[in-house]
Amino acid sequence: MNALAWNCRGVGNASTVRELVCFSQRLQLKLIFLCETRQDKEKVRGCLRNRLGLSGFAGVDSVGTSGGLALF
């Protein structure tokens, strides 16, 4: 099983999303854990779940501009 854990320091940036999707496709990731998303969990789920091709999601909202977790 391939997995990725990444302190992404904000997943709202388009280049960060492109990098993550590229990693996911190239490495055929089955599990992705993101910390410091700096985003609302529903925004992260809506933005990334389909693009990553993964069905499951669990997340924690950020508080202001810090924190936030996502597990795909």
Protein backbone atom coordinates (compact mmCIF):
# COMPACT_ATOMS: atom_id res chain seq x y z
CA MET A 1 0.00 0.00 0.00
CA ASN A 2 1.34 3.42 -0.95
CA ALA A 3 0.67 6.32 1.43
CA LEU A 4 1.61 9.98 1.67
CA ALA A 5 1.74 12.19 4.77
CA TRP A 6 2.30 15.85 3.93
CA ASN A 7 2.49 19.07 5.94
CA CYS A 8 1.11 21.04 3.01
CA ARG A 9 0.91 24.45 4.77
CA GLY A 10 -2.28 25.34 2.97
CA VAL A 11 -4.18 23.39 0.37
CA GLY A 12 -6.01 26.38 -1.11
CA ASN A 13 -3.17 27.12 -3.52
CA ALA A 14 -3.69 25.79 -7.07
CA SER A 15 -0.04 24.73 -7.40
CA THR A 16 -0.27 22.70 -4.18
CA VAL A 17 -3.36 20.90 -5.49
CA ARG A 18 -1.62 20.15 -8.82
CA GLU A 19 1.43 18.74 -7.00
CA LEU A 20 -0.76 16.57 -4.78
CA VAL A 21 -2.76 15.20 -7.72
CA CYS A 22 0.51 14.53 -9.60
CA PHE A 23 1.96 12.63 -6.59
CA SER A 24 -1.26 10.66 -6.22
CA GLN A 25 -1.32 9.57 -9.85
CA ARG A 26 2.38 8.87 -10.22
CA LEU A 27 2.71 6.90 -6.98
CA GLN A 28 -0.77 5.28 -7.14
CA LEU A 29 -1.49 6.38 -3.58
CA LYS A 30 -4.17 4.58 -1.60
CA LEU A 31 -3.92 6.75 1.53
CA ILE A 32 -3.21 10.48 1.81
CA PHE A 33 -2.88 12.39 5.08
CA LEU A 34 -2.61 16.19 4.97
CA CYS A 35 -1.88 18.40 7.94
CA GLU A 36 -1.94 22.21 8.16
CA THR A 37 -4.54 22.40 5.40
CA ARG A 38 -5.59 25.86 6.64
CA GLN A 39 -9.04 25.21 5.13
CA ASP A 40 -12.54 24.19 6.16
CA LYS A 41 -12.84 20.39 5.96
CA GLU A 42 -15.81 20.54 3.55
CA LYS A 43 -13.85 22.78 1.19
CA VAL A 44 -10.92 20.34 1.24
CA ARG A 45 -13.21 17.36 0.66
CA GLY A 46 -15.05 19.04 -2.20
CA CYS A 47 -11.88 20.28 -3.86
CA LEU A 48 -9.71 17.19 -3.63
CA ARG A 49 -11.62 13.95 -3.17
CA ASN A 50 -12.75 13.60 -6.79
CA ARG A 51 -9.50 14.91 -8.25
CA LEU A 52 -7.53 12.35 -6.24
CA GLY A 53 -9.84 9.52 -7.22
CA LEU A 54 -10.29 8.42 -3.60
CA SER A 55 -13.67 7.71 -2.05
CA GLY A 56 -13.17 8.00 1.71
CA PHE A 57 -12.58 11.19 3.67
CA ALA A 58 -12.20 12.32 7.28
CA GLY A 59 -11.21 15.84 8.22
CA VAL A 60 -10.85 18.45 10.93
CA ASP A 61 -11.52 22.15 10.30
CA SER A 62 -8.75 24.67 10.66
CA VAL A 63 -8.96 27.37 13.33
CA GLY A 64 -8.39 30.67 11.59
CA THR A 65 -5.31 30.29 9.42
CA SER A 66 -3.77 27.42 11.36
CA GLY A 67 -4.42 23.73 11.68
CA GLY A 68 -6.69 21.51 9.67
CA LEU A 69 -6.35 17.82 8.91
CA ALA A 70 -7.50 15.65 6.02
CA LEU A 71 -7.34 11.90 5.53
CA PHE A 72 -8.28 10.39 2.17
